[in-house]
Protein backbone atom coordinates (compact mmCIF):
# COMPACT_ATOMS: atom_id res chain seq x y z
CA MET A 1 -8.68 -23.78 -10.21
CA VAL A 2 -11.05 -20.58 -9.77
CA LEU A 3 -11.89 -21.25 -6.52
CA PHE A 4 -8.30 -21.15 -5.78
CA ILE A 5 -7.48 -18.07 -7.67
CA THR A 6 -10.51 -16.65 -5.68
CA ILE A 7 -9.51 -17.54 -2.27
CA LEU A 8 -6.14 -15.75 -3.09
CA GLN A 9 -8.17 -12.52 -4.10
CA LEU A 10 -9.81 -12.58 -0.66
CA LEU A 11 -6.53 -13.56 1.04
CA PHE A 12 -4.89 -11.00 -0.77
CA GLY A 13 -7.55 -7.80 -0.77
CA LEU A 14 -8.01 -8.06 3.34
CA VAL A 15 -3.91 -7.83 3.65
CA VAL A 16 -4.22 -4.92 1.11
CA ILE A 17 -6.65 -3.16 3.65
CA LEU A 18 -4.99 -3.86 6.88
CA ALA A 19 -1.85 -2.48 4.98
CA VAL A 20 -3.84 0.29 4.28
CA LEU A 21 -5.17 0.55 8.04
CA PHE A 22 -1.83 0.48 9.39
CA GLN A 23 -0.01 3.05 7.40
CA SER A 24 0.22 6.65 9.01
CA GLY A 25 -1.11 9.75 7.66
CA LYS A 26 0.48 11.95 5.50
CA SER A 27 -1.09 15.16 5.78
CA ALA A 28 -0.05 17.50 8.36
CA GLY A 29 -2.03 20.44 7.38
CA LEU A 30 -1.00 24.09 7.22
CA SER A 31 2.06 23.34 9.98
CA GLY A 32 3.43 21.27 6.99
CA ALA A 33 3.10 23.39 4.51
CA ILE A 34 4.93 25.99 6.37
CA GLY A 35 7.88 23.37 7.91
CA GLY A 36 8.31 21.32 4.56
CA VAL A 37 11.41 22.58 3.88
CA ALA A 38 12.56 20.86 7.12
CA ASP A 39 10.79 17.95 6.46
CA THR A 40 12.30 16.83 3.47
CA PHE A 41 15.85 18.05 5.00
CA MET A 42 15.33 15.35 8.01
CA ALA A 43 13.52 13.01 5.48
CA LYS A 44 16.70 11.64 3.65
CA GLY A 45 16.69 8.32 5.67
CA LYS A 46 12.86 7.91 5.25
CA ALA A 47 13.44 4.80 2.56
CA LYS A 48 14.47 2.83 5.59
CA THR A 49 11.50 3.46 8.17
CA PHE A 50 8.60 1.02 8.40
CA ASP A 51 6.13 3.38 7.11
CA ALA A 52 7.98 3.23 3.70
CA LYS A 53 8.23 -0.61 4.22
CA LEU A 54 4.40 -0.80 4.39
CA ALA A 55 4.00 1.57 1.30
CA LYS A 56 6.21 -0.59 -0.66
CA ALA A 57 4.61 -3.82 0.28
CA THR A 58 0.80 -1.69 -0.14
CA LYS A 59 1.83 -1.07 -4.17
CA TRP A 60 3.08 -4.81 -4.64
CA ILE A 61 -0.07 -6.55 -3.00
CA GLY A 62 -2.49 -4.20 -4.55
CA ALA A 63 -0.69 -5.00 -7.81
CA VAL A 64 -1.19 -9.21 -7.55
CA PHE A 65 -4.40 -8.04 -6.56
CA ILE A 66 -5.32 -6.29 -9.47
CA LEU A 67 -3.87 -8.99 -11.78
CA LEU A 68 -5.82 -11.62 -9.83
CA THR A 69 -8.70 -9.42 -10.26
CA LEU A 70 -7.77 -9.87 -14.41
CA LEU A 71 -7.25 -13.00 -14.40
CA LEU A 72 -10.73 -14.22 -12.59
CA ASN A 73 -12.48 -11.85 -15.21
CA ILE A 74 -10.44 -13.55 -17.85
CA LEU A 75 -11.15 -17.04 -16.37
CA HIS A 76 -15.05 -16.63 -16.19
């Protein structure tokens, strides 16, 4: 049982790393601070973009990774 959970944790850890690496950068520097108003107006459909879906998936995969880590800690 512990071996199976350890393998799952390893796989979820690799998936989290890949999901974070595939995300685009969020910082836009000084130009992003000046043009921030236009960016929020144009970002109404942002929830449907690939980056938004990837960010949501990263949160869920990270949560599963943390739960597996806690479960392994309890089992040992």
